[in-house]
N, C-alpha and C. Protein backbone atom coordinates (compact mmCIF):
# COMPACT_ATOMS: atom_id res chain seq x y z
N MET A 1 13.37 15.11 -4.82
CA MET A 1 12.88 14.26 -3.74
C MET A 1 12.88 15.28 -2.37
N LYS A 2 11.91 15.20 -1.74
CA LYS A 2 11.58 15.95 -0.65
C LYS A 2 12.46 15.46 0.52
N ASN A 3 12.73 16.16 1.49
CA ASN A 3 13.77 15.54 2.53
C ASN A 3 12.90 14.86 3.70
N ILE A 4 12.60 13.49 3.50
CA ILE A 4 12.09 12.66 4.44
C ILE A 4 13.04 11.62 4.93
N LYS A 5 12.87 11.11 6.03
CA LYS A 5 13.57 9.69 6.55
C LYS A 5 12.61 8.80 6.71
N LEU A 6 12.92 7.42 6.41
CA LEU A 6 12.15 6.36 6.79
C LEU A 6 12.83 5.60 7.65
N SER A 7 12.05 5.02 8.74
CA SER A 7 12.65 4.18 9.69
C SER A 7 11.72 3.01 9.99
N PRO A 8 11.94 1.82 9.06
CA PRO A 8 11.20 0.74 9.07
C PRO A 8 10.98 0.15 10.46
N SER A 9 9.91 -0.19 10.97
CA SER A 9 9.82 -0.90 12.40
C SER A 9 10.02 -2.37 12.29
N ILE A 10 10.97 -2.90 12.72
CA ILE A 10 11.00 -4.47 12.69
C ILE A 10 9.87 -5.26 13.39
N LEU A 11 9.00 -4.49 14.04
CA LEU A 11 7.98 -5.24 14.83
C LEU A 11 7.15 -6.09 13.71
N SER A 12 7.28 -5.69 12.36
CA SER A 12 6.40 -6.31 11.27
C SER A 12 7.21 -7.19 10.44
N CYS A 13 8.58 -7.19 10.71
CA CYS A 13 9.41 -8.06 9.70
C CYS A 13 9.33 -9.57 10.05
N ASP A 14 9.74 -10.35 9.26
CA ASP A 14 9.78 -11.83 9.37
C ASP A 14 11.10 -12.13 9.94
N PHE A 15 10.84 -12.49 11.28
CA PHE A 15 12.12 -12.70 12.16
C PHE A 15 12.85 -14.03 11.85
N ARG A 16 12.12 -15.01 10.99
CA ARG A 16 12.66 -16.23 10.54
C ARG A 16 13.87 -15.61 9.55
N ASN A 17 13.72 -14.67 8.96
CA ASN A 17 14.58 -14.02 7.95
C ASN A 17 15.05 -12.75 8.27
N LEU A 18 15.49 -12.44 9.53
CA LEU A 18 15.61 -11.03 9.94
C LEU A 18 16.75 -10.46 9.33
N GLU A 19 17.95 -11.35 8.93
CA GLU A 19 19.25 -10.62 8.33
C GLU A 19 18.66 -10.17 6.96
N ASP A 20 18.05 -11.01 6.19
CA ASP A 20 17.52 -10.78 4.86
C ASP A 20 16.81 -9.51 4.85
N GLN A 21 15.80 -9.40 5.74
CA GLN A 21 14.94 -8.38 6.03
C GLN A 21 15.65 -6.92 6.19
N LEU A 22 16.62 -6.95 7.01
CA LEU A 22 17.45 -5.87 7.31
C LEU A 22 18.19 -5.35 6.35
N LEU A 23 18.80 -6.31 5.61
CA LEU A 23 19.71 -6.11 4.36
C LEU A 23 18.98 -5.39 3.35
N SER A 24 17.70 -5.95 3.05
CA SER A 24 16.75 -5.37 2.06
C SER A 24 16.36 -3.94 2.31
N ILE A 25 16.04 -3.54 3.56
CA ILE A 25 15.75 -2.23 3.80
C ILE A 25 16.67 -1.43 3.65
N GLN A 26 17.99 -1.72 3.91
CA GLN A 26 19.31 -1.05 3.89
C GLN A 26 19.32 -0.86 2.22
N ARG A 27 19.29 -1.98 1.39
CA ARG A 27 19.65 -1.80 0.09
C ARG A 27 18.65 -0.89 -0.78
N PHE A 28 17.15 -0.91 -0.27
CA PHE A 28 16.27 -0.09 -0.97
C PHE A 28 15.98 1.14 -0.33
N GLY A 29 16.96 1.68 0.42
CA GLY A 29 17.00 3.05 0.84
C GLY A 29 16.30 3.55 2.12
N ALA A 30 16.07 2.65 3.17
CA ALA A 30 15.66 3.02 4.45
C ALA A 30 16.75 3.83 5.09
N ASP A 31 16.45 4.73 5.97
CA ASP A 31 17.33 5.71 6.53
C ASP A 31 17.86 5.07 8.01
N MET A 32 17.05 4.25 8.70
CA MET A 32 17.40 3.73 10.01
C MET A 32 16.61 2.58 10.25
N ILE A 33 16.76 1.96 11.32
CA ILE A 33 16.01 0.90 11.75
C ILE A 33 15.40 1.12 13.08
N HIS A 34 13.92 0.91 13.17
CA HIS A 34 13.25 1.32 14.31
C HIS A 34 12.82 0.08 15.07
N VAL A 35 13.54 0.06 16.36
CA VAL A 35 13.20 -0.94 17.32
C VAL A 35 12.28 -0.77 18.24
N ASP A 36 11.11 -1.33 18.26
CA ASP A 36 10.10 -1.06 19.22
C ASP A 36 10.23 -1.94 20.52
N VAL A 37 10.55 -1.49 21.66
CA VAL A 37 10.88 -2.30 22.90
C VAL A 37 9.49 -2.01 23.74
N MET A 38 8.88 -3.17 24.01
CA MET A 38 7.82 -3.22 24.89
C MET A 38 7.79 -4.19 26.07
N ASP A 39 7.51 -3.77 27.22
CA ASP A 39 7.60 -4.67 28.44
C ASP A 39 6.36 -5.39 28.96
N GLY A 40 5.25 -5.00 28.33
CA GLY A 40 4.02 -5.71 28.71
C GLY A 40 3.39 -5.03 30.07
N ARG A 41 3.92 -3.96 30.48
CA ARG A 41 3.44 -3.23 31.62
C ARG A 41 3.09 -1.80 31.02
N PHE A 42 4.05 -0.86 30.54
CA PHE A 42 3.80 0.34 29.90
C PHE A 42 2.71 0.23 28.93
N VAL A 43 2.93 -0.73 28.03
CA VAL A 43 1.89 -1.33 26.89
C VAL A 43 1.81 -2.65 27.06
N PRO A 44 0.58 -3.14 26.58
CA PRO A 44 0.15 -4.41 26.76
C PRO A 44 1.06 -5.45 25.95
N ASN A 45 1.75 -5.09 25.00
CA ASN A 45 2.55 -6.15 24.36
C ASN A 45 3.94 -6.43 24.94
N ILE A 46 4.57 -7.34 24.72
CA ILE A 46 6.10 -7.81 25.13
C ILE A 46 6.66 -8.03 23.79
N THR A 47 7.90 -7.30 23.58
CA THR A 47 8.59 -7.44 22.33
C THR A 47 9.98 -7.73 22.57
N MET A 48 10.82 -6.92 22.16
CA MET A 48 12.49 -7.27 22.12
C MET A 48 13.29 -6.34 22.98
N GLY A 49 14.36 -6.76 23.39
CA GLY A 49 15.46 -6.16 24.14
C GLY A 49 16.60 -5.91 23.69
N PRO A 50 17.84 -5.72 24.41
CA PRO A 50 19.07 -5.29 23.92
C PRO A 50 19.54 -6.34 22.92
N PHE A 51 19.34 -7.61 23.27
CA PHE A 51 19.82 -8.61 22.47
C PHE A 51 19.49 -8.52 20.99
N ILE A 52 18.27 -8.11 20.80
CA ILE A 52 17.90 -7.92 19.15
C ILE A 52 18.63 -6.48 18.62
N VAL A 53 18.68 -5.54 19.46
CA VAL A 53 19.53 -4.44 19.09
C VAL A 53 21.02 -4.74 18.66
N ASP A 54 21.47 -5.51 19.53
CA ASP A 54 22.92 -6.01 19.08
C ASP A 54 22.90 -6.84 17.95
N HIS A 55 22.12 -7.76 17.67
CA HIS A 55 21.84 -8.46 16.46
C HIS A 55 21.77 -7.65 15.19
N CYS A 56 20.89 -6.65 15.32
CA CYS A 56 20.76 -5.77 14.21
C CYS A 56 22.01 -4.92 13.94
N LYS A 57 22.62 -4.58 14.99
CA LYS A 57 24.11 -3.82 14.70
C LYS A 57 24.91 -4.58 14.05
N ASN A 58 24.97 -5.88 14.34
CA ASN A 58 25.90 -6.80 13.53
C ASN A 58 25.63 -7.23 12.21
N ILE A 59 24.31 -7.00 11.98
CA ILE A 59 23.85 -7.23 10.63
C ILE A 59 23.80 -6.00 9.58
N SER A 60 23.31 -4.85 10.02
CA SER A 60 23.15 -3.66 9.03
C SER A 60 23.97 -2.36 9.57
N SER A 61 24.51 -1.66 8.68
CA SER A 61 25.10 -0.31 8.95
C SER A 61 23.88 0.84 9.26
N LEU A 62 22.86 0.53 9.19
CA LEU A 62 21.96 1.66 9.33
C LEU A 62 21.83 1.99 10.73
N PRO A 63 21.59 3.15 11.15
CA PRO A 63 21.52 3.80 12.42
C PRO A 63 20.29 3.12 13.11
N LEU A 64 20.46 2.57 14.50
CA LEU A 64 19.27 2.00 15.14
C LEU A 64 18.57 3.01 16.07
N ASP A 65 17.28 3.09 15.63
CA ASP A 65 16.26 3.92 16.36
C ASP A 65 15.55 3.28 17.36
N VAL A 66 15.95 3.33 18.65
CA VAL A 66 15.24 2.53 19.68
C VAL A 66 14.28 3.23 20.44
N HIS A 67 13.01 2.74 20.42
CA HIS A 67 11.81 3.32 20.94
C HIS A 67 11.46 2.47 22.25
N LEU A 68 11.72 3.19 23.46
CA LEU A 68 11.51 2.37 24.67
C LEU A 68 9.95 2.69 25.16
N MET A 69 9.14 1.83 25.00
CA MET A 69 7.66 1.86 25.46
C MET A 69 7.79 0.90 26.74
N ILE A 70 8.64 1.26 27.78
CA ILE A 70 8.58 0.53 29.20
C ILE A 70 8.59 1.41 30.36
N GLN A 71 8.31 0.86 31.45
CA GLN A 71 8.43 1.38 32.72
C GLN A 71 9.75 1.58 33.32
N SER A 72 10.09 2.66 33.88
CA SER A 72 11.48 2.75 34.27
C SER A 72 12.60 2.75 33.28
N PRO A 73 12.37 3.41 32.24
CA PRO A 73 13.49 3.27 31.17
C PRO A 73 14.86 3.67 31.58
N GLU A 74 14.91 4.41 32.62
CA GLU A 74 16.25 4.77 33.08
C GLU A 74 17.14 3.64 33.58
N ASN A 75 16.48 2.53 34.04
CA ASN A 75 17.09 1.26 34.39
C ASN A 75 17.72 0.50 33.20
N HIS A 76 17.47 0.89 31.97
CA HIS A 76 17.83 0.15 30.84
C HIS A 76 18.68 0.76 29.93
N ILE A 77 18.95 2.16 30.07
CA ILE A 77 19.62 3.04 28.92
C ILE A 77 20.96 2.42 28.64
N GLU A 78 21.59 2.06 29.81
CA GLU A 78 23.04 1.62 29.59
C GLU A 78 23.08 0.43 28.68
N ALA A 79 22.26 -0.58 28.93
CA ALA A 79 22.14 -1.88 28.22
C ALA A 79 21.73 -1.56 26.74
N PHE A 80 20.97 -0.64 26.37
CA PHE A 80 20.62 -0.42 25.16
C PHE A 80 21.59 0.40 24.30
N ALA A 81 22.45 1.14 25.13
CA ALA A 81 23.68 1.94 24.47
C ALA A 81 24.68 0.86 24.27
N LYS A 82 25.04 0.05 25.14
CA LYS A 82 25.91 -0.96 24.77
C LYS A 82 25.59 -1.84 23.77
N ALA A 83 24.46 -2.00 23.60
CA ALA A 83 24.16 -3.06 22.35
C ALA A 83 24.12 -2.39 21.19
N GLY A 84 24.19 -1.07 21.09
CA GLY A 84 24.54 -0.26 19.82
C GLY A 84 23.46 0.69 19.35
N ALA A 85 22.56 1.12 20.15
CA ALA A 85 21.56 2.10 19.88
C ALA A 85 22.19 3.40 19.51
N ASP A 86 21.69 3.96 18.33
CA ASP A 86 22.22 5.20 17.86
C ASP A 86 21.24 6.33 18.44
N TRP A 87 19.93 6.14 18.66
CA TRP A 87 18.83 7.00 19.01
C TRP A 87 18.13 6.12 20.14
N ILE A 88 17.87 6.84 21.18
CA ILE A 88 16.94 6.36 22.33
C ILE A 88 15.90 7.19 22.53
N THR A 89 14.65 6.62 22.32
CA THR A 89 13.52 7.61 22.69
C THR A 89 12.66 7.16 23.80
N VAL A 90 12.50 7.96 24.80
CA VAL A 90 11.62 7.54 25.94
C VAL A 90 10.25 8.22 25.95
N HIS A 91 9.40 7.83 26.91
CA HIS A 91 8.01 8.47 26.87
C HIS A 91 8.07 9.60 27.95
N VAL A 92 7.12 10.61 27.82
CA VAL A 92 7.08 11.59 28.86
C VAL A 92 6.00 11.05 29.75
N GLU A 93 5.22 10.27 29.55
CA GLU A 93 4.18 9.61 30.34
C GLU A 93 4.48 8.61 31.48
N GLY A 94 4.24 9.13 32.62
CA GLY A 94 4.32 8.29 33.83
C GLY A 94 5.82 8.29 34.00
N ASN A 95 6.57 9.36 33.75
CA ASN A 95 8.17 9.19 34.02
C ASN A 95 8.59 10.48 34.70
N PRO A 96 8.59 10.38 36.03
CA PRO A 96 8.78 11.79 36.66
C PRO A 96 10.33 11.99 36.60
N ASN A 97 11.31 11.06 36.17
CA ASN A 97 12.64 11.25 35.77
C ASN A 97 13.18 11.56 34.71
N VAL A 98 12.26 11.93 33.71
CA VAL A 98 12.50 12.00 32.23
C VAL A 98 13.58 13.04 31.94
N TYR A 99 13.55 14.04 32.66
CA TYR A 99 14.55 15.13 32.31
C TYR A 99 16.11 14.42 32.56
N ARG A 100 16.10 13.74 33.70
CA ARG A 100 17.53 13.05 34.03
C ARG A 100 17.72 12.07 33.03
N THR A 101 16.70 11.47 32.56
CA THR A 101 16.93 10.10 31.72
C THR A 101 17.45 10.63 30.48
N LEU A 102 16.96 11.75 30.00
CA LEU A 102 17.40 12.43 28.67
C LEU A 102 18.88 12.88 28.90
N GLN A 103 19.05 13.51 29.98
CA GLN A 103 20.43 13.85 30.19
C GLN A 103 21.47 12.63 30.09
N GLU A 104 21.18 11.56 30.70
CA GLU A 104 21.93 10.21 30.80
C GLU A 104 22.13 9.88 29.41
N ILE A 105 20.95 9.87 28.45
CA ILE A 105 21.16 9.41 27.21
C ILE A 105 22.26 10.13 26.40
N LYS A 106 21.91 11.51 26.46
CA LYS A 106 22.81 12.53 25.83
C LYS A 106 24.42 12.30 26.30
N ALA A 107 24.58 12.04 27.44
CA ALA A 107 25.98 12.02 28.09
C ALA A 107 26.48 10.61 27.53
N MET A 108 25.80 9.87 27.15
CA MET A 108 26.51 8.41 26.53
C MET A 108 26.76 8.53 25.02
N GLY A 109 26.65 9.91 24.51
CA GLY A 109 26.76 10.17 23.04
C GLY A 109 25.76 9.56 22.11
N ILE A 110 24.46 9.30 22.55
CA ILE A 110 23.45 8.94 21.79
C ILE A 110 22.24 9.91 21.66
N HIS A 111 21.66 10.12 20.49
CA HIS A 111 20.54 11.00 20.47
C HIS A 111 19.47 10.76 21.23
N PRO A 112 19.11 11.59 22.01
CA PRO A 112 17.91 11.58 22.76
C PRO A 112 16.65 11.98 22.13
N GLY A 113 15.55 11.16 22.50
CA GLY A 113 14.27 11.58 21.92
C GLY A 113 13.16 11.34 22.88
N ILE A 114 12.20 12.08 22.89
CA ILE A 114 11.03 12.21 23.74
C ILE A 114 9.56 11.63 22.91
N ALA A 115 9.02 10.68 23.43
CA ALA A 115 7.62 10.43 22.73
C ALA A 115 6.44 10.72 23.55
N LEU A 116 5.33 10.91 22.69
CA LEU A 116 4.00 11.36 23.37
C LEU A 116 2.99 10.38 22.67
N ASN A 117 2.15 9.82 23.76
CA ASN A 117 1.16 8.99 23.25
C ASN A 117 -0.11 9.92 22.66
N PRO A 118 -1.09 9.42 21.95
CA PRO A 118 -2.00 10.23 21.39
C PRO A 118 -2.80 11.13 22.34
N GLY A 119 -2.92 10.70 23.51
CA GLY A 119 -3.85 11.54 24.44
C GLY A 119 -3.01 12.52 25.35
N THR A 120 -1.64 12.74 24.95
CA THR A 120 -0.84 13.48 25.73
C THR A 120 -0.59 14.87 25.06
N PRO A 121 -0.86 15.98 25.69
CA PRO A 121 -0.81 17.26 24.97
C PRO A 121 0.62 17.51 24.66
N ALA A 122 0.91 18.26 23.54
CA ALA A 122 2.11 18.78 23.02
C ALA A 122 2.96 19.66 24.21
N SER A 123 2.16 20.29 24.88
CA SER A 123 2.70 21.31 26.07
C SER A 123 3.46 20.55 26.93
N SER A 124 3.25 19.25 27.23
CA SER A 124 3.96 18.41 28.19
C SER A 124 5.38 18.30 27.93
N ILE A 125 5.84 18.52 26.62
CA ILE A 125 7.32 18.39 26.39
C ILE A 125 8.02 19.88 26.21
N VAL A 126 7.32 20.83 26.48
CA VAL A 126 8.02 22.03 26.20
C VAL A 126 9.29 22.26 26.78
N ASN A 127 9.40 21.86 28.11
CA ASN A 127 10.62 22.02 29.00
C ASN A 127 11.65 21.15 28.77
N LEU A 128 11.29 20.02 27.73
CA LEU A 128 12.36 19.14 27.43
C LEU A 128 13.05 19.23 26.18
N LEU A 129 12.53 20.34 25.26
CA LEU A 129 13.11 20.47 23.97
C LEU A 129 14.63 20.76 23.95
N GLU A 130 15.13 21.30 25.00
CA GLU A 130 16.27 21.77 24.93
C GLU A 130 17.40 20.54 25.03
N LEU A 131 16.77 19.35 25.52
CA LEU A 131 17.54 18.17 25.59
C LEU A 131 17.39 17.18 24.40
N VAL A 132 16.50 17.27 23.57
CA VAL A 132 16.20 16.22 22.67
C VAL A 132 16.50 16.72 21.15
N ASP A 133 16.83 15.59 20.39
CA ASP A 133 17.27 15.44 19.02
C ASP A 133 16.06 15.26 18.18
N ILE A 134 14.98 14.59 18.81
CA ILE A 134 13.90 13.93 18.15
C ILE A 134 12.67 14.04 19.10
N VAL A 135 11.50 14.35 18.38
CA VAL A 135 10.21 14.20 19.16
C VAL A 135 9.32 13.25 18.21
N LEU A 136 8.84 12.08 18.99
CA LEU A 136 8.11 11.14 18.38
C LEU A 136 6.67 11.37 18.86
N VAL A 137 5.72 11.48 17.79
CA VAL A 137 4.43 11.47 18.17
C VAL A 137 3.68 10.23 17.62
N MET A 138 3.21 9.64 18.57
CA MET A 138 2.39 8.49 18.35
C MET A 138 1.21 8.66 17.58
N THR A 139 0.89 8.08 16.47
CA THR A 139 -0.30 8.39 15.76
C THR A 139 -1.39 7.06 15.73
N VAL A 140 -0.87 6.21 16.78
CA VAL A 140 -1.81 5.12 17.13
C VAL A 140 -1.65 5.03 18.71
N ASN A 141 -2.38 4.36 19.41
CA ASN A 141 -2.17 3.89 20.75
C ASN A 141 -1.07 2.82 20.80
N PRO A 142 -0.18 2.96 21.56
CA PRO A 142 1.22 2.15 21.36
C PRO A 142 0.85 0.90 21.81
N GLY A 143 1.55 -0.04 21.09
CA GLY A 143 1.50 -1.61 21.64
C GLY A 143 1.38 -2.50 20.64
N PHE A 144 0.76 -2.32 19.46
CA PHE A 144 0.76 -3.14 18.45
C PHE A 144 0.70 -2.59 17.07
N SER A 145 1.28 -3.44 16.17
CA SER A 145 1.49 -3.01 14.90
C SER A 145 0.14 -3.23 13.96
N GLY A 146 0.02 -2.39 12.83
CA GLY A 146 -1.18 -2.67 12.06
C GLY A 146 -2.41 -1.83 12.48
N GLN A 147 -2.33 -0.88 13.56
CA GLN A 147 -3.63 -0.27 13.99
C GLN A 147 -3.79 1.03 13.01
N LYS A 148 -5.21 1.47 13.15
CA LYS A 148 -5.61 2.55 12.11
C LYS A 148 -5.02 3.84 12.60
N HIS A 149 -4.54 4.59 11.76
CA HIS A 149 -3.84 5.97 11.96
C HIS A 149 -4.93 6.99 12.53
N ILE A 150 -4.40 7.59 13.46
CA ILE A 150 -5.32 8.71 13.99
C ILE A 150 -5.03 9.97 13.30
N ALA A 151 -5.80 10.41 12.53
CA ALA A 151 -5.44 11.56 11.51
C ALA A 151 -5.44 12.85 12.34
N SER A 152 -6.30 12.89 13.55
CA SER A 152 -6.22 14.13 14.34
C SER A 152 -4.92 14.51 14.85
N MET A 153 -3.86 13.60 14.88
CA MET A 153 -2.64 13.86 15.50
C MET A 153 -1.91 14.97 14.69
N GLN A 154 -2.40 15.22 13.37
CA GLN A 154 -1.77 16.14 12.50
C GLN A 154 -1.66 17.62 13.25
N THR A 155 -2.73 17.81 14.06
CA THR A 155 -2.89 19.15 14.77
C THR A 155 -1.58 19.17 15.83
N LYS A 156 -1.37 18.05 16.54
CA LYS A 156 -0.41 17.97 17.48
C LYS A 156 1.02 18.07 16.91
N VAL A 157 1.24 17.35 15.63
CA VAL A 157 2.53 17.55 14.96
C VAL A 157 2.67 19.01 14.66
N LYS A 158 1.73 19.56 14.03
CA LYS A 158 1.90 21.10 13.89
C LYS A 158 2.30 22.01 15.06
N GLU A 159 1.64 21.74 16.13
CA GLU A 159 1.74 22.40 17.25
C GLU A 159 3.23 22.24 17.60
N ILE A 160 3.80 21.05 17.73
CA ILE A 160 5.19 20.74 17.93
C ILE A 160 6.20 21.34 17.22
N SER A 161 5.75 21.32 15.94
CA SER A 161 6.84 22.10 14.89
C SER A 161 6.77 23.44 15.24
N GLU A 162 5.75 24.08 15.47
CA GLU A 162 5.86 25.47 15.90
C GLU A 162 6.55 25.72 17.24
N MET A 163 6.42 24.68 18.14
CA MET A 163 7.27 24.80 19.36
C MET A 163 8.66 24.98 19.24
N ILE A 164 9.14 23.83 18.25
CA ILE A 164 10.52 23.58 17.85
C ILE A 164 10.95 24.90 17.19
N ASN A 165 10.30 25.40 16.21
CA ASN A 165 10.62 26.72 15.48
C ASN A 165 11.03 27.69 16.49
N ALA A 166 10.13 27.87 17.42
CA ALA A 166 10.20 28.86 18.52
C ALA A 166 11.60 28.69 19.40
N SER A 167 11.82 27.35 19.61
CA SER A 167 13.18 27.06 20.42
C SER A 167 14.27 27.44 19.61
N GLY A 168 14.27 27.38 18.55
CA GLY A 168 15.65 27.62 17.56
C GLY A 168 16.46 26.45 17.58
N ARG A 169 16.07 25.35 17.93
CA ARG A 169 16.82 24.17 17.79
C ARG A 169 16.49 23.24 16.68
N ASP A 170 17.56 22.44 16.30
CA ASP A 170 17.35 21.57 15.05
C ASP A 170 16.92 20.31 15.65
N ILE A 171 15.52 20.11 15.75
CA ILE A 171 14.85 18.99 16.31
C ILE A 171 13.82 18.25 15.26
N GLU A 172 14.15 17.08 14.97
CA GLU A 172 13.32 16.43 14.05
C GLU A 172 11.99 15.94 14.60
N ILE A 173 10.81 15.89 13.89
CA ILE A 173 9.62 15.21 14.34
C ILE A 173 9.52 13.90 13.59
N GLN A 174 9.26 12.96 14.41
CA GLN A 174 9.03 11.58 14.03
C GLN A 174 7.59 11.17 14.17
N VAL A 175 6.90 10.54 13.34
CA VAL A 175 5.53 9.98 13.59
C VAL A 175 5.48 8.56 13.51
N ASP A 176 4.73 7.78 14.24
CA ASP A 176 4.59 6.53 14.08
C ASP A 176 3.15 5.85 14.49
N GLY A 177 2.69 5.23 13.57
CA GLY A 177 1.38 4.60 13.73
C GLY A 177 0.56 4.61 12.52
N GLY A 178 0.30 3.57 11.74
CA GLY A 178 -0.60 3.60 10.69
C GLY A 178 0.10 4.40 9.56
N ILE A 179 1.27 4.61 9.29
CA ILE A 179 1.87 5.34 8.26
C ILE A 179 1.97 4.54 7.12
N THR A 180 1.19 5.10 5.93
CA THR A 180 1.04 4.59 4.66
C THR A 180 1.32 5.74 3.66
N SER A 181 1.27 5.45 2.48
CA SER A 181 1.30 6.25 1.32
C SER A 181 0.09 7.40 1.42
N GLU A 182 -1.01 6.86 2.03
CA GLU A 182 -2.08 7.88 2.06
C GLU A 182 -1.96 8.73 3.31
N THR A 183 -1.54 8.23 4.44
CA THR A 183 -1.47 9.04 5.65
C THR A 183 -0.16 9.92 5.87
N LEU A 184 0.85 9.55 5.09
CA LEU A 184 2.19 10.26 5.30
C LEU A 184 1.98 11.75 4.73
N PRO A 185 1.55 12.09 3.70
CA PRO A 185 1.45 13.45 3.14
C PRO A 185 0.91 14.50 4.18
N ALA A 186 -0.12 14.14 4.86
CA ALA A 186 -0.60 15.11 6.02
C ALA A 186 0.26 15.27 7.04
N MET A 187 0.97 14.28 7.33
CA MET A 187 1.79 14.42 8.51
C MET A 187 3.21 15.17 7.97
N TYR A 188 3.45 15.09 6.79
CA TYR A 188 4.67 15.77 6.17
C TYR A 188 4.29 17.26 6.39
N LEU A 189 3.17 17.66 5.84
CA LEU A 189 2.56 18.97 5.75
C LEU A 189 2.57 19.58 7.02
N ALA A 190 2.38 18.87 8.03
CA ALA A 190 2.20 19.45 9.50
C ALA A 190 3.51 19.70 10.03
N GLY A 191 4.66 19.02 9.45
CA GLY A 191 5.79 19.28 9.90
C GLY A 191 6.87 18.04 10.20
N ALA A 192 6.19 16.79 10.12
CA ALA A 192 6.93 15.39 10.41
C ALA A 192 7.89 15.35 9.13
N ARG A 193 9.14 14.94 9.71
CA ARG A 193 10.13 14.53 8.53
C ARG A 193 10.73 13.10 8.59
N VAL A 194 10.52 12.49 9.92
CA VAL A 194 10.80 11.11 9.94
C VAL A 194 9.71 10.21 10.22
N PHE A 195 9.56 8.99 9.51
CA PHE A 195 8.28 8.29 9.38
C PHE A 195 8.74 6.89 9.74
N VAL A 196 7.99 6.51 10.72
CA VAL A 196 8.10 5.02 11.25
C VAL A 196 6.87 4.02 10.40
N ALA A 197 7.48 3.06 9.79
CA ALA A 197 6.41 2.23 9.22
C ALA A 197 6.75 0.86 9.33
N ALA A 198 5.67 -0.04 9.71
CA ALA A 198 5.89 -1.43 9.83
C ALA A 198 5.27 -2.29 8.70
N THR A 199 3.97 -2.22 8.86
CA THR A 199 3.25 -3.02 7.74
C THR A 199 3.30 -2.49 6.43
N ALA A 200 3.38 -1.22 6.33
CA ALA A 200 3.51 -0.66 4.89
C ALA A 200 4.74 -1.10 4.28
N ILE A 201 5.67 -1.34 5.02
CA ILE A 201 6.96 -1.86 4.24
C ILE A 201 7.28 -3.39 4.30
N PHE A 202 7.17 -3.91 5.48
CA PHE A 202 7.40 -5.35 5.67
C PHE A 202 6.34 -6.21 5.06
N ASN A 203 5.14 -5.86 5.05
CA ASN A 203 3.87 -6.51 4.59
C ASN A 203 3.29 -6.11 3.35
N HIS A 204 4.19 -5.36 2.56
CA HIS A 204 3.61 -4.73 1.25
C HIS A 204 3.43 -5.88 0.49
N PRO A 205 2.31 -5.75 -0.18
CA PRO A 205 2.09 -7.02 -1.31
C PRO A 205 3.07 -7.24 -2.35
N GLN A 206 3.61 -6.19 -2.74
CA GLN A 206 4.76 -6.18 -3.81
C GLN A 206 6.18 -6.29 -3.21
N GLY A 207 6.30 -6.32 -1.97
CA GLY A 207 7.61 -6.48 -1.28
C GLY A 207 8.18 -5.28 -0.80
N ILE A 208 9.15 -5.40 0.04
CA ILE A 208 9.85 -4.27 0.76
C ILE A 208 10.28 -3.11 -0.19
N GLU A 209 10.82 -3.30 -1.32
CA GLU A 209 11.22 -2.06 -2.23
C GLU A 209 10.02 -1.41 -2.76
N SER A 210 9.05 -1.95 -3.01
CA SER A 210 7.70 -1.32 -3.49
C SER A 210 7.15 -0.55 -2.23
N GLY A 211 7.20 -1.09 -1.12
CA GLY A 211 6.59 -0.39 0.10
C GLY A 211 7.40 0.89 0.39
N ILE A 212 8.76 0.77 0.28
CA ILE A 212 9.46 1.88 0.55
C ILE A 212 9.35 3.05 -0.59
N SER A 213 9.33 2.56 -1.79
CA SER A 213 9.24 3.43 -2.85
C SER A 213 8.00 4.22 -2.87
N LEU A 214 6.81 3.41 -2.52
CA LEU A 214 5.57 3.94 -2.43
C LEU A 214 5.46 5.17 -1.39
N LEU A 215 6.11 4.96 -0.12
CA LEU A 215 6.06 5.92 0.86
C LEU A 215 6.82 7.14 0.41
N ARG A 216 7.94 7.00 -0.08
CA ARG A 216 8.82 8.10 -0.56
C ARG A 216 8.24 8.85 -1.69
N GLY A 217 7.60 8.15 -2.64
CA GLY A 217 6.71 8.87 -3.63
C GLY A 217 5.53 9.41 -3.31
N SER A 218 4.96 9.33 -2.07
CA SER A 218 3.69 9.76 -1.69
C SER A 218 3.64 11.40 -1.50
N ILE A 219 4.82 11.98 -1.46
CA ILE A 219 4.88 13.44 -1.25
C ILE A 219 5.49 14.22 -2.51
N ASN A 220 5.69 13.40 -3.46
CA ASN A 220 6.36 13.98 -4.68
C ASN A 220 5.13 14.61 -5.65
């Protein structure tokens, strides 16, 4: 089995049965839980906040991978840290204080991550690599689950992989957006090792176990 991590996004889970869904992805081999936080301003959609992170922490022992798609994320880092986030990823776009924000995340003992939207060049994060443990490349325009994967982001993933190798740091590349058994292999070849999937897991016709198994098996 090749070394990949799966981070199912609860954006597509059945919130009526959240506990069962979280325990299912844990039982069937997910590596972490991806929590998409949206404020209706940075992206069009509005989703969940620290309360959901706290709820997930009380249900599952999996690490919580929190992706902040919000304006002024520096104002909310402490709340998500207290709620139980293990990873907090913020966006480089429109964030003049991003360096300081990443420092604050790290100082709280949480893994810091930096995210890039599809239209943002890889070069925008070159001076931030010294602070992060993960780089998240959006392979759809952020805001909604179930969008079509942007295959051209493979080039950006490869470029970031080369930047990381040059830095000498142990930084993982995560991809999020339209990840399926068909799109995952190309992103893996480009250098991604952490895969966020929502629809492909929680809405798989044969259930969560099959969704996870199919993603893992896609690179064997």
